[in-house]
């Protein structure tokens, strides 16, 4: 089947299920950039290294670059999401179920944003897709546990490594010499690099789910070749960049002001820890959450030395993280059952 842009546009007009899925995917891309990307710039904003609006523009540009550059070299994260679950029941039913999973992701992300909780749309995505596939199949046999294993491994390693590296860098930062002005300047490349890897990681996941949606419409999910068209790469990159441009001040306030108080040295330490973990995970092809990695690094820095972290706020965030997988599986399953009842 063709991967061309013109063939896709033609199918949009002929297949309402694909049009619905495309609209919901764009919605998730926007919400991801709006609620997830602010983690990349939280440190730079709260320490005064960058005004909020300039930081948002920087994050949008670097998100775009991350999606394009890394996916062109290594699309293994996209492949993991693509193969997270098998959809049965024919192209129309499969597309409806997948659309329901995406609707669940949007609902979860907006609710968490409303409360200022930095949750992971990446994990919401794989959980929502899985719940939708289970609703369609009627059993858990459709779940591909090997792909789920990579997601869980990435979650555990990135969160633990982010906290440990942040704590070590926070201790080391106490010995650094230099003015706050110098460290504020150093935060600029740190924020840019974090936003770049946010695009590299999360952009790939949405590429994977978009390819899954088009494959389901065409009845070719089991096709062995995995091709990422240039136009689709641009679509995901632009969607995420636009979402990032919408800003996310609530998230920044939660992680950068309420959970832990940062000075410019701490901000640089957090950037180094977070970027290092994201770089290693991306090279290894592990699907990780930039939200979890970055927030864990912030908490690690905040727990080092005499700095104070608000563990009550951290506990609320951890609870939301723990509820993301089961909550989005249930949402994806419930909405899929509803959609299938209405339209099938």
C-alpha atoms as a PDB file:
ATOM      1  CA  UNK A   1       0.000   0.000   0.000  1.00  0.00           C
ATOM      2  CA  UNK A   2       1.139   3.535  -0.751  1.00  0.00           C
ATOM      3  CA  UNK A   3       2.663   5.735   1.926  1.00  0.00           C
ATOM      4  CA  UNK A   4       2.353   8.885  -0.206  1.00  0.00           C
ATOM      5  CA  UNK A   5       0.774  12.051   1.130  1.00  0.00           C
ATOM      6  CA  UNK A   6      -1.688  12.327  -1.747  1.00  0.00           C
ATOM      7  CA  UNK A   7      -2.906   8.765  -1.230  1.00  0.00           C
ATOM      8  CA  UNK A   8      -3.405   9.557   2.448  1.00  0.00           C
ATOM      9  CA  UNK A   9      -5.428  12.706   1.678  1.00  0.00           C
ATOM     10  CA  UNK A  10      -7.592  10.722  -0.734  1.00  0.00           C
ATOM     11  CA  UNK A  11      -8.229   8.106   1.956  1.00  0.00           C
ATOM     12  CA  UNK A  12      -9.220  10.828   4.434  1.00  0.00           C
ATOM     13  CA  UNK A  13     -12.114  11.780   2.194  1.00  0.00           C
ATOM     14  CA  UNK A  14     -13.140   8.177   1.614  1.00  0.00           C
ATOM     15  CA  UNK A  15     -12.720   6.801   5.154  1.00  0.00           C
ATOM     16  CA  UNK A  16     -14.480   8.619   8.023  1.00  0.00           C
ATOM     17  CA  UNK A  17     -12.747   6.390  10.593  1.00  0.00           C
ATOM     18  CA  UNK A  18      -9.333   7.548   9.338  1.00  0.00           C
ATOM     19  CA  UNK A  19     -10.461  11.186   9.430  1.00  0.00           C
ATOM     20  CA  UNK A  20     -11.614  10.785  13.056  1.00  0.00           C
ATOM     21  CA  UNK A  21      -8.376   9.058  14.018  1.00  0.00           C
ATOM     22  CA  UNK A  22      -6.285  11.785  12.340  1.00  0.00           C
ATOM     23  CA  UNK A  23      -8.188  14.515  14.168  1.00  0.00           C
ATOM     24  CA  UNK A  24      -7.748  12.786  17.533  1.00  0.00           C
ATOM     25  CA  UNK A  25      -4.048  12.131  16.881  1.00  0.00           C
ATOM     26  CA  UNK A  26      -3.522  15.801  16.110  1.00  0.00           C
ATOM     27  CA  UNK A  27      -5.343  16.579  19.356  1.00  0.00           C
ATOM     28  CA  UNK A  28      -3.027  14.288  21.322  1.00  0.00           C
ATOM     29  CA  UNK A  29       0.025  15.848  19.645  1.00  0.00           C
ATOM     30  CA  UNK A  30      -1.135  19.323  20.630  1.00  0.00           C
ATOM     31  CA  UNK A  31      -1.945  18.244  24.187  1.00  0.00           C
ATOM     32  CA  UNK A  32       1.434  16.514  24.497  1.00  0.00           C
ATOM     33  CA  UNK A  33       3.312  19.626  23.442  1.00  0.00           C
ATOM     34  CA  UNK A  34       1.099  21.758  25.670  1.00  0.00           C
ATOM     35  CA  UNK A  35       1.303  19.645  28.854  1.00  0.00           C
ATOM     36  CA  UNK A  36       4.480  17.549  28.505  1.00  0.00           C
ATOM     37  CA  UNK A  37       7.063  19.806  26.854  1.00  0.00           C
ATOM     38  CA  UNK A  38       6.972  22.447  29.662  1.00  0.00           C
ATOM     39  CA  UNK A  39       9.055  20.044  31.782  1.00  0.00           C
ATOM     40  CA  UNK A  40      11.982  20.778  29.471  1.00  0.00           C
ATOM     41  CA  UNK A  41      11.951  24.497  30.232  1.00  0.00           C
ATOM     42  CA  UNK A  42      10.772  24.481  33.858  1.00  0.00           C
ATOM     43  CA  UNK A  43      14.254  25.000  35.289  1.00  0.00           C
ATOM     44  CA  UNK A  44      15.158  27.836  32.923  1.00  0.00           C
ATOM     45  CA  UNK A  45      11.884  29.658  33.601  1.00  0.00           C
ATOM     46  CA  UNK A  46      11.807  29.435  37.407  1.00  0.00           C
ATOM     47  CA  UNK A  47      15.443  30.570  37.789  1.00  0.00           C
ATOM     48  CA  UNK A  48      14.934  33.531  35.468  1.00  0.00           C
ATOM     49  CA  UNK A  49      17.294  32.268  32.764  1.00  0.00           C
ATOM     50  CA  UNK A  50      14.537  32.725  30.166  1.00  0.00           C
ATOM     51  CA  UNK A  51      11.196  34.535  30.129  1.00  0.00           C
ATOM     52  CA  UNK A  52       8.297  32.115  29.807  1.00  0.00           C
ATOM     53  CA  UNK A  53       7.327  33.045  26.236  1.00  0.00           C
ATOM     54  CA  UNK A  54      10.888  32.857  24.884  1.00  0.00           C
ATOM     55  CA  UNK A  55      11.389  29.531  26.626  1.00  0.00           C
ATOM     56  CA  UNK A  56       8.229  28.185  24.978  1.00  0.00           C
ATOM     57  CA  UNK A  57       9.470  29.260  21.528  1.00  0.00           C
ATOM     58  CA  UNK A  58      12.852  27.616  22.199  1.00  0.00           C
ATOM     59  CA  UNK A  59      11.135  24.392  23.269  1.00  0.00           C
ATOM     60  CA  UNK A  60       8.886  24.394  20.192  1.00  0.00           C
ATOM     61  CA  UNK A  61      11.826  24.763  17.794  1.00  0.00           C
ATOM     62  CA  UNK A  62      13.915  22.113  19.561  1.00  0.00           C
ATOM     63  CA  UNK A  63      10.973  19.705  19.762  1.00  0.00           C
ATOM     64  CA  UNK A  64      10.576  19.999  16.005  1.00  0.00           C
ATOM     65  CA  UNK A  65      14.288  19.360  15.456  1.00  0.00           C
ATOM     66  CA  UNK A  66      14.308  16.370  17.804  1.00  0.00           C
ATOM     67  CA  UNK A  67      11.431  14.632  16.034  1.00  0.00           C
ATOM     68  CA  UNK A  68      13.006  15.103  12.607  1.00  0.00           C
ATOM     69  CA  UNK A  69      16.663  14.404  13.369  1.00  0.00           C
ATOM     70  CA  UNK A  70      16.474  11.355  15.623  1.00  0.00           C
ATOM     71  CA  UNK A  71      13.657   9.553  13.789  1.00  0.00           C
ATOM     72  CA  UNK A  72      15.636   9.817  10.550  1.00  0.00           C
ATOM     73  CA  UNK A  73      18.469   7.884  12.241  1.00  0.00           C
ATOM     74  CA  UNK A  74      16.728   5.456  14.607  1.00  0.00           C
ATOM     75  CA  UNK A  75      12.960   4.819  14.645  1.00  0.00           C
ATOM     76  CA  UNK A  76      13.015   1.918  17.129  1.00  0.00           C
ATOM     77  CA  UNK A  77      10.852   3.781  19.670  1.00  0.00           C
ATOM     78  CA  UNK A  78       8.182   4.290  16.996  1.00  0.00           C
ATOM     79  CA  UNK A  79       8.333   0.582  16.148  1.00  0.00           C
ATOM     80  CA  UNK A  80       7.747  -0.354  19.806  1.00  0.00           C
ATOM     81  CA  UNK A  81       4.558   1.731  19.982  1.00  0.00           C
ATOM     82  CA  UNK A  82       3.411   0.443  16.589  1.00  0.00           C
ATOM     83  CA  UNK A  83       3.580  -3.135  17.851  1.00  0.00           C
ATOM     84  CA  UNK A  84       2.194  -2.602  21.383  1.00  0.00           C
ATOM     85  CA  UNK A  85      -1.031  -4.537  20.639  1.00  0.00           C
ATOM     86  CA  UNK A  86      -2.733  -6.375  17.778  1.00  0.00           C
ATOM     87  CA  UNK A  87      -6.097  -5.089  16.534  1.00  0.00           C
ATOM     88  CA  UNK A  88      -8.589  -7.572  15.108  1.00  0.00           C
ATOM     89  CA  UNK A  89     -12.123  -7.254  13.757  1.00  0.00           C
ATOM     90  CA  UNK A  90     -11.514  -5.666  10.373  1.00  0.00           C
ATOM     91  CA  UNK A  91     -10.232  -2.219   9.313  1.00  0.00           C
ATOM     92  CA  UNK A  92     -13.328  -0.212  10.318  1.00  0.00           C
ATOM     93  CA  UNK A  93     -13.731  -1.687  13.810  1.00  0.00           C
ATOM     94  CA  UNK A  94      -9.977  -1.518  14.453  1.00  0.00           C
ATOM     95  CA  UNK A  95      -9.833   2.155  13.440  1.00  0.00           C
ATOM     96  CA  UNK A  96     -12.815   3.006  15.650  1.00  0.00           C
ATOM     97  CA  UNK A  97     -11.225   1.242  18.633  1.00  0.00           C
ATOM     98  CA  UNK A  98      -7.870   2.956  18.120  1.00  0.00           C
ATOM     99  CA  UNK A  99      -9.612   6.336  17.883  1.00  0.00           C
ATOM    100  CA  UNK A 100     -11.267   5.583  21.224  1.00  0.00           C
ATOM    101  CA  UNK A 101      -7.862   4.904  22.753  1.00  0.00           C
ATOM    102  CA  UNK A 102      -6.637   8.289  21.532  1.00  0.00           C
ATOM    103  CA  UNK A 103      -9.721  10.005  22.970  1.00  0.00           C
ATOM    104  CA  UNK A 104      -8.881   8.466  26.345  1.00  0.00           C
ATOM    105  CA  UNK A 105      -5.357   9.914  26.180  1.00  0.00           C
ATOM    106  CA  UNK A 106      -6.709  13.420  25.534  1.00  0.00           C
ATOM    107  CA  UNK A 107      -9.138  13.171  28.458  1.00  0.00           C
ATOM    108  CA  UNK A 108      -6.456  11.900  30.856  1.00  0.00           C
ATOM    109  CA  UNK A 109      -3.933  14.572  29.833  1.00  0.00           C
ATOM    110  CA  UNK A 110      -6.386  17.463  30.139  1.00  0.00           C
ATOM    111  CA  UNK A 111      -7.615  16.327  33.568  1.00  0.00           C
ATOM    112  CA  UNK A 112      -4.038  16.055  34.856  1.00  0.00           C
ATOM    113  CA  UNK A 113      -3.170  19.450  33.370  1.00  0.00           C
ATOM    114  CA  UNK A 114      -6.200  20.965  35.107  1.00  0.00           C
ATOM    115  CA  UNK A 115      -4.679  19.930  38.437  1.00  0.00           C
ATOM    116  CA  UNK A 116      -1.157  20.938  37.401  1.00  0.00           C
ATOM    117  CA  UNK A 117       0.141  17.357  37.551  1.00  0.00           C
ATOM    118  CA  UNK A 118       2.958  16.488  35.086  1.00  0.00           C
ATOM    119  CA  UNK A 119       1.825  13.105  33.812  1.00  0.00           C
ATOM    120  CA  UNK A 120       3.241  11.176  30.863  1.00  0.00           C
ATOM    121  CA  UNK A 121       1.277  11.201  27.613  1.00  0.00           C
ATOM    122  CA  UNK A 122       3.685   8.521  26.378  1.00  0.00           C
ATOM    123  CA  UNK A 123       2.490   6.044  28.987  1.00  0.00           C
ATOM    124  CA  UNK A 124      -1.100   7.215  28.591  1.00  0.00           C
ATOM    125  CA  UNK A 125      -0.724   6.508  24.873  1.00  0.00           C
ATOM    126  CA  UNK A 126       0.440   2.897  25.155  1.00  0.00           C
ATOM    127  CA  UNK A 127      -2.107   2.193  27.913  1.00  0.00           C
ATOM    128  CA  UNK A 128      -4.987   3.741  25.971  1.00  0.00           C
ATOM    129  CA  UNK A 129      -4.083   1.797  22.829  1.00  0.00           C
ATOM    130  CA  UNK A 130      -3.859  -1.422  24.831  1.00  0.00           C
ATOM    131  CA  UNK A 131      -7.240  -0.891  26.491  1.00  0.00           C
ATOM    132  CA  UNK A 132      -8.852  -0.211  23.117  1.00  0.00           C
ATOM    133  CA  UNK A 133      -7.319  -3.352  21.589  1.00  0.00           C
ATOM    134  CA  UNK A 134      -8.529  -5.474  24.522  1.00  0.00           C
ATOM    135  CA  UNK A 135     -12.049  -4.057  24.117  1.00  0.00           C
ATOM    136  CA  UNK A 136     -11.996  -5.031  20.449  1.00  0.00           C
ATOM    137  CA  UNK A 137     -10.474  -8.482  20.966  1.00  0.00           C
ATOM    138  CA  UNK A 138     -12.397  -9.350  24.127  1.00  0.00           C
ATOM    139  CA  UNK A 139      -9.285 -10.715  25.832  1.00  0.00           C
ATOM    140  CA  UNK A 140      -5.688  -9.842  26.731  1.00  0.00           C
ATOM    141  CA  UNK A 141      -4.273 -12.166  24.081  1.00  0.00           C
ATOM    142  CA  UNK A 142      -3.890  -9.194  21.722  1.00  0.00           C
ATOM    143  CA  UNK A 143      -1.300  -7.521  23.963  1.00  0.00           C
ATOM    144  CA  UNK A 144       2.296  -7.874  22.803  1.00  0.00           C
ATOM    145  CA  UNK A 145       4.101  -8.174  26.095  1.00  0.00           C
ATOM    146  CA  UNK A 146       7.572  -7.903  24.581  1.00  0.00           C
ATOM    147  CA  UNK A 147       6.819  -4.319  23.526  1.00  0.00           C
ATOM    148  CA  UNK A 148       5.208  -3.619  26.900  1.00  0.00           C
ATOM    149  CA  UNK A 149       8.353  -4.950  28.564  1.00  0.00           C
ATOM    150  CA  UNK A 150      10.423  -2.291  26.778  1.00  0.00           C
ATOM    151  CA  UNK A 151       8.040   0.420  27.975  1.00  0.00           C
ATOM    152  CA  UNK A 152       8.173  -0.746  31.600  1.00  0.00           C
ATOM    153  CA  UNK A 153      11.949  -1.177  31.479  1.00  0.00           C
ATOM    154  CA  UNK A 154      12.290   2.350  30.118  1.00  0.00           C
ATOM    155  CA  UNK A 155      10.010   3.658  32.889  1.00  0.00           C
ATOM    156  CA  UNK A 156      11.969   2.024  35.699  1.00  0.00           C
ATOM    157  CA  UNK A 157      15.426   2.829  34.354  1.00  0.00           C
ATOM    158  CA  UNK A 158      14.707   6.433  33.373  1.00  0.00           C
ATOM    159  CA  UNK A 159      13.009   7.337  36.651  1.00  0.00           C
ATOM    160  CA  UNK A 160      15.628   5.680  38.849  1.00  0.00           C
ATOM    161  CA  UNK A 161      18.531   6.971  36.761  1.00  0.00           C
ATOM    162  CA  UNK A 162      17.025  10.461  36.580  1.00  0.00           C
ATOM    163  CA  UNK A 163      16.703  10.699  40.364  1.00  0.00           C
ATOM    164  CA  UNK A 164      20.152   9.220  41.058  1.00  0.00           C
ATOM    165  CA  UNK A 165      21.920  11.387  38.474  1.00  0.00           C
ATOM    166  CA  UNK A 166      20.031  14.456  39.669  1.00  0.00           C
ATOM    167  CA  UNK A 167      21.038  13.807  43.270  1.00  0.00           C
ATOM    168  CA  UNK A 168      24.704  13.317  42.344  1.00  0.00           C
ATOM    169  CA  UNK A 169      24.750  16.401  40.129  1.00  0.00           C
ATOM    170  CA  UNK A 170      22.973  18.393  42.864  1.00  0.00           C
ATOM    171  CA  UNK A 171      25.706  17.527  45.347  1.00  0.00           C
ATOM    172  CA  UNK A 172      28.412  18.333  42.822  1.00  0.00           C
ATOM    173  CA  UNK A 173      26.753  21.644  41.937  1.00  0.00           C
ATOM    174  CA  UNK A 174      27.447  22.873  45.469  1.00  0.00           C
ATOM    175  CA  UNK A 175      31.179  22.923  44.650  1.00  0.00           C
ATOM    176  CA  UNK A 176      30.859  24.876  41.390  1.00  0.00           C
ATOM    177  CA  UNK A 177      32.184  28.414  41.256  1.00  0.00           C
ATOM    178  CA  UNK A 178      30.738  31.198  39.179  1.00  0.00           C
ATOM    179  CA  UNK A 179      28.037  33.822  39.200  1.00  0.00           C
ATOM    180  CA  UNK A 180      24.326  33.135  38.897  1.00  0.00           C
ATOM    181  CA  UNK A 181      24.449  34.991  35.591  1.00  0.00           C
ATOM    182  CA  UNK A 182      26.917  32.433  34.213  1.00  0.00           C
ATOM    183  CA  UNK A 183      24.752  29.496  35.255  1.00  0.00           C
ATOM    184  CA  UNK A 184      21.634  31.126  33.834  1.00  0.00           C
ATOM    185  CA  UNK A 185      23.443  31.315  30.489  1.00  0.00           C
ATOM    186  CA  UNK A 186      24.383  27.638  30.788  1.00  0.00           C
ATOM    187  CA  UNK A 187      20.733  26.752  31.309  1.00  0.00           C
ATOM    188  CA  UNK A 188      19.865  27.829  27.761  1.00  0.00           C
ATOM    189  CA  UNK A 189      21.629  24.935  25.982  1.00  0.00           C
ATOM    190  CA  UNK A 190      20.361  22.623  28.734  1.00  0.00           C
ATOM    191  CA  UNK A 191      16.741  23.573  28.107  1.00  0.00           C
ATOM    192  CA  UNK A 192      17.276  23.303  24.348  1.00  0.00           C
ATOM    193  CA  UNK A 193      18.801  19.821  24.646  1.00  0.00           C
ATOM    194  CA  UNK A 194      16.010  18.603  26.931  1.00  0.00           C
ATOM    195  CA  UNK A 195      13.359  19.860  24.504  1.00  0.00           C
ATOM    196  CA  UNK A 196      15.256  18.224  21.624  1.00  0.00           C
ATOM    197  CA  UNK A 197      15.146  14.825  23.314  1.00  0.00           C
ATOM    198  CA  UNK A 198      11.512  15.336  24.270  1.00  0.00           C
ATOM    199  CA  UNK A 199      10.801  15.619  20.558  1.00  0.00           C
ATOM    200  CA  UNK A 200      13.055  12.667  19.796  1.00  0.00           C
ATOM    201  CA  UNK A 201      11.249  10.420  22.278  1.00  0.00           C
ATOM    202  CA  UNK A 202       7.628  11.554  22.243  1.00  0.00           C
ATOM    203  CA  UNK A 203       7.557  12.476  18.575  1.00  0.00           C
ATOM    204  CA  UNK A 204       8.531   8.920  17.675  1.00  0.00           C
ATOM    205  CA  UNK A 205       5.731   7.489  19.793  1.00  0.00           C
ATOM    206  CA  UNK A 206       3.123   9.518  17.946  1.00  0.00           C
ATOM    207  CA  UNK A 207       4.697   8.584  14.633  1.00  0.00           C
ATOM    208  CA  UNK A 208       4.291   4.963  15.661  1.00  0.00           C
ATOM    209  CA  UNK A 209       0.616   5.326  16.566  1.00  0.00           C
ATOM    210  CA  UNK A 210      -0.132   7.308  13.395  1.00  0.00           C
ATOM    211  CA  UNK A 211       1.476   4.608  11.269  1.00  0.00           C
ATOM    212  CA  UNK A 212      -0.562   2.054  13.213  1.00  0.00           C
ATOM    213  CA  UNK A 213      -3.778   3.930  12.426  1.00  0.00           C
ATOM    214  CA  UNK A 214      -3.069   4.144   8.701  1.00  0.00           C
ATOM    215  CA  UNK A 215      -2.018   0.484   8.649  1.00  0.00           C
ATOM    216  CA  UNK A 216      -5.267  -0.592  10.323  1.00  0.00           C
ATOM    217  CA  UNK A 217      -7.343   1.309   7.765  1.00  0.00           C
ATOM    218  CA  UNK A 218      -5.421  -0.430   4.993  1.00  0.00           C
ATOM    219  CA  UNK A 219      -5.514  -3.828   6.727  1.00  0.00           C
ATOM    220  CA  UNK A 220      -1.753  -4.223   6.926  1.00  0.00           C
ATOM    221  CA  UNK A 221      -0.722  -4.024  10.606  1.00  0.00           C
ATOM    222  CA  UNK A 222       1.305  -7.232  10.248  1.00  0.00           C
ATOM    223  CA  UNK A 223       3.366  -5.849   7.367  1.00  0.00           C
ATOM    224  CA  UNK A 224       7.026  -6.500   8.113  1.00  0.00           C
ATOM    225  CA  UNK A 225       8.524  -3.331   6.624  1.00  0.00           C
ATOM    226  CA  UNK A 226       8.457  -0.209   8.805  1.00  0.00           C
ATOM    227  CA  UNK A 227       8.642   2.975   6.735  1.00  0.00           C
ATOM    228  CA  UNK A 228       8.308   6.523   8.099  1.00  0.00           C
ATOM    229  CA  UNK A 229       7.220   8.902   5.297  1.00  0.00           C
ATOM    230  CA  UNK A 230       8.757  12.382   5.311  1.00  0.00           C
ATOM    231  CA  UNK A 231       5.350  14.069   5.229  1.00  0.00           C
ATOM    232  CA  UNK A 232       4.265  12.170   8.346  1.00  0.00           C
ATOM    233  CA  UNK A 233       7.477  13.141  10.116  1.00  0.00           C
ATOM    234  CA  UNK A 234       6.723  16.784   9.334  1.00  0.00           C
ATOM    235  CA  UNK A 235       3.082  16.406  10.445  1.00  0.00           C
ATOM    236  CA  UNK A 236       4.044  15.081  13.877  1.00  0.00           C
ATOM    237  CA  UNK A 237       6.856  17.593  14.311  1.00  0.00           C
ATOM    238  CA  UNK A 238       4.639  20.563  13.453  1.00  0.00           C
ATOM    239  CA  UNK A 239       1.782  19.295  15.638  1.00  0.00           C
ATOM    240  CA  UNK A 240       4.041  18.886  18.654  1.00  0.00           C
ATOM    241  CA  UNK A 241       5.716  22.258  18.050  1.00  0.00           C
ATOM    242  CA  UNK A 242       2.326  24.003  17.860  1.00  0.00           C
ATOM    243  CA  UNK A 243       1.226  22.326  21.080  1.00  0.00           C
ATOM    244  CA  UNK A 244       4.438  23.390  22.790  1.00  0.00           C
ATOM    245  CA  UNK A 245       3.786  26.951  21.641  1.00  0.00           C
ATOM    246  CA  UNK A 246       0.535  26.927  23.626  1.00  0.00           C
ATOM    247  CA  UNK A 247       2.608  26.831  26.804  1.00  0.00           C
ATOM    248  CA  UNK A 248       2.004  25.011  30.063  1.00  0.00           C
ATOM    249  CA  UNK A 249       2.616  27.319  32.997  1.00  0.00           C
ATOM    250  CA  UNK A 250       0.636  25.169  35.450  1.00  0.00           C
ATOM    251  CA  UNK A 251       3.084  22.284  34.999  1.00  0.00           C
ATOM    252  CA  UNK A 252       6.092  24.581  35.359  1.00  0.00           C
ATOM    253  CA  UNK A 253       4.722  25.986  38.619  1.00  0.00           C
ATOM    254  CA  UNK A 254       4.173  22.492  40.038  1.00  0.00           C
ATOM    255  CA  UNK A 255       7.569  20.959  39.267  1.00  0.00           C
ATOM    256  CA  UNK A 256       9.749  24.078  39.383  1.00  0.00           C
ATOM    257  CA  UNK A 257       8.244  26.033  42.255  1.00  0.00           C
ATOM    258  CA  UNK A 258       6.031  23.832  44.424  1.00  0.00           C
ATOM    259  CA  UNK A 259       7.909  20.509  44.332  1.00  0.00           C
ATOM    260  CA  UNK A 260      11.415  21.953  44.647  1.00  0.00           C
ATOM    261  CA  UNK A 261      13.039  25.381  44.770  1.00  0.00           C
ATOM    262  CA  UNK A 262      15.866  25.798  42.275  1.00  0.00           C
ATOM    263  CA  UNK A 263      18.702  28.265  41.885  1.00  0.00           C
ATOM    264  CA  UNK A 264      20.639  28.581  38.581  1.00  0.00           C
ATOM    265  CA  UNK A 265      23.286  26.053  39.671  1.00  0.00           C
ATOM    266  CA  UNK A 266      20.579  23.532  40.489  1.00  0.00           C
ATOM    267  CA  UNK A 267      18.971  24.208  37.119  1.00  0.00           C
ATOM    268  CA  UNK A 268      22.188  23.359  35.287  1.00  0.00           C
ATOM    269  CA  UNK A 269      22.655  20.220  37.400  1.00  0.00           C
ATOM    270  CA  UNK A 270      19.128  19.087  36.562  1.00  0.00           C
ATOM    271  CA  UNK A 271      19.662  19.747  32.847  1.00  0.00           C
ATOM    272  CA  UNK A 272      22.870  17.700  32.756  1.00  0.00           C
ATOM    273  CA  UNK A 273      21.274  14.785  34.629  1.00  0.00           C
ATOM    274  CA  UNK A 274      18.083  14.752  32.576  1.00  0.00           C
ATOM    275  CA  UNK A 275      19.732  15.167  29.182  1.00  0.00           C
ATOM    276  CA  UNK A 276      22.303  12.477  29.961  1.00  0.00           C
ATOM    277  CA  UNK A 277      19.599   9.939  30.825  1.00  0.00           C
ATOM    278  CA  UNK A 278      17.495  10.827  27.773  1.00  0.00           C
ATOM    279  CA  UNK A 279      20.524  10.615  25.483  1.00  0.00           C
ATOM    280  CA  UNK A 280      21.444   7.115  26.670  1.00  0.00           C
ATOM    281  CA  UNK A 281      17.837   5.890  26.437  1.00  0.00           C
ATOM    282  CA  UNK A 282      17.431   7.282  22.913  1.00  0.00           C
ATOM    283  CA  UNK A 283      20.685   5.703  21.719  1.00  0.00           C
ATOM    284  CA  UNK A 284      19.551   2.346  23.159  1.00  0.00           C
ATOM    285  CA  UNK A 285      16.126   2.732  21.536  1.00  0.00           C
ATOM    286  CA  UNK A 286      14.280   2.531  24.875  1.00  0.00           C
ATOM    287  CA  UNK A 287      10.900   4.304  24.980  1.00  0.00           C
ATOM    288  CA  UNK A 288      11.099   6.530  28.056  1.00  0.00           C
ATOM    289  CA  UNK A 289       8.998   9.348  29.446  1.00  0.00           C
ATOM    290  CA  UNK A 290      10.719  12.714  29.327  1.00  0.00           C
ATOM    291  CA  UNK A 291       8.289  13.864  32.023  1.00  0.00           C
ATOM    292  CA  UNK A 292       9.351  11.109  34.416  1.00  0.00           C
ATOM    293  CA  UNK A 293      13.048  11.506  33.656  1.00  0.00           C
ATOM    294  CA  UNK A 294      13.060  15.267  34.007  1.00  0.00           C
ATOM    295  CA  UNK A 295      10.841  15.370  37.101  1.00  0.00           C
ATOM    296  CA  UNK A 296      12.909  12.638  38.783  1.00  0.00           C
ATOM    297  CA  UNK A 297      16.084  14.612  38.036  1.00  0.00           C
ATOM    298  CA  UNK A 298      14.510  17.763  39.523  1.00  0.00           C
ATOM    299  CA  UNK A 299      13.533  15.842  42.649  1.00  0.00           C
ATOM    300  CA  UNK A 300      17.013  14.325  42.871  1.00  0.00           C
ATOM    301  CA  UNK A 301      18.633  17.757  42.712  1.00  0.00           C
ATOM    302  CA  UNK A 302      16.145  19.074  45.259  1.00  0.00           C
ATOM    303  CA  UNK A 303      16.922  16.245  47.681  1.00  0.00           C
ATOM    304  CA  UNK A 304      20.687  16.837  47.598  1.00  0.00           C
ATOM    305  CA  UNK A 305      22.538  18.705  50.322  1.00  0.00           C
ATOM    306  CA  UNK A 306      20.582  21.358  52.202  1.00  0.00           C
ATOM    307  CA  UNK A 307      18.022  21.878  49.464  1.00  0.00           C
ATOM    308  CA  UNK A 308      14.443  21.082  50.333  1.00  0.00           C
ATOM    309  CA  UNK A 309      12.033  19.103  48.204  1.00  0.00           C
ATOM    310  CA  UNK A 310       8.318  19.064  48.976  1.00  0.00           C
ATOM    311  CA  UNK A 311       7.701  15.339  49.228  1.00  0.00           C
ATOM    312  CA  UNK A 312       3.958  15.888  49.539  1.00  0.00           C
ATOM    313  CA  UNK A 313       3.857  17.379  46.039  1.00  0.00           C
ATOM    314  CA  UNK A 314       6.228  14.663  44.827  1.00  0.00           C
ATOM    315  CA  UNK A 315       3.895  12.030  46.296  1.00  0.00           C
ATOM    316  CA  UNK A 316       0.911  13.503  44.445  1.00  0.00           C
ATOM    317  CA  UNK A 317       2.866  13.383  41.187  1.00  0.00           C
ATOM    318  CA  UNK A 318       3.990   9.793  41.846  1.00  0.00           C
ATOM    319  CA  UNK A 319       0.383   8.773  42.540  1.00  0.00           C
ATOM    320  CA  UNK A 320      -0.706  10.240  39.200  1.00  0.00           C
ATOM    321  CA  UNK A 321       2.114   8.361  37.483  1.00  0.00           C
ATOM    322  CA  UNK A 322       1.047   5.113  39.136  1.00  0.00           C
ATOM    323  CA  UNK A 323      -2.557   5.607  38.060  1.00  0.00           C
ATOM    324  CA  UNK A 324      -1.697   6.454  34.444  1.00  0.00           C
ATOM    325  CA  UNK A 325      -1.360   2.877  33.179  1.00  0.00           C
ATOM    326  CA  UNK A 326      -4.490   1.365  34.777  1.00  0.00           C
ATOM    327  CA  UNK A 327      -6.487   4.574  34.369  1.00  0.00           C
ATOM    328  CA  UNK A 328      -5.791   4.904  30.651  1.00  0.00           C
ATOM    329  CA  UNK A 329      -6.319   1.184  30.015  1.00  0.00           C
ATOM    330  CA  UNK A 330      -9.778   1.520  31.586  1.00  0.00           C
ATOM    331  CA  UNK A 331     -10.491   4.747  29.683  1.00  0.00           C
ATOM    332  CA  UNK A 332      -9.363   3.237  26.370  1.00  0.00           C
ATOM    333  CA  UNK A 333     -11.426   0.098  26.985  1.00  0.00           C
ATOM    334  CA  UNK A 334     -14.550   1.986  28.074  1.00  0.00           C
ATOM    335  CA  UNK A 335     -14.528   4.521  25.248  1.00  0.00           C
ATOM    336  CA  UNK A 336     -13.769   1.785  22.700  1.00  0.00           C
ATOM    337  CA  UNK A 337     -16.779  -0.218  23.886  1.00  0.00           C
ATOM    338  CA  UNK A 338     -18.925   2.908  23.623  1.00  0.00           C
ATOM    339  CA  UNK A 339     -17.648   3.849  20.152  1.00  0.00           C
ATOM    340  CA  UNK A 340     -18.057   0.303  18.852  1.00  0.00           C
ATOM    341  CA  UNK A 341     -21.602   0.134  20.238  1.00  0.00           C
ATOM    342  CA  UNK A 342     -22.529   3.395  18.499  1.00  0.00           C
ATOM    343  CA  UNK A 343     -20.806   3.012  15.132  1.00  0.00           C
ATOM    344  CA  UNK A 344     -20.310  -0.669  14.477  1.00  0.00           C
END
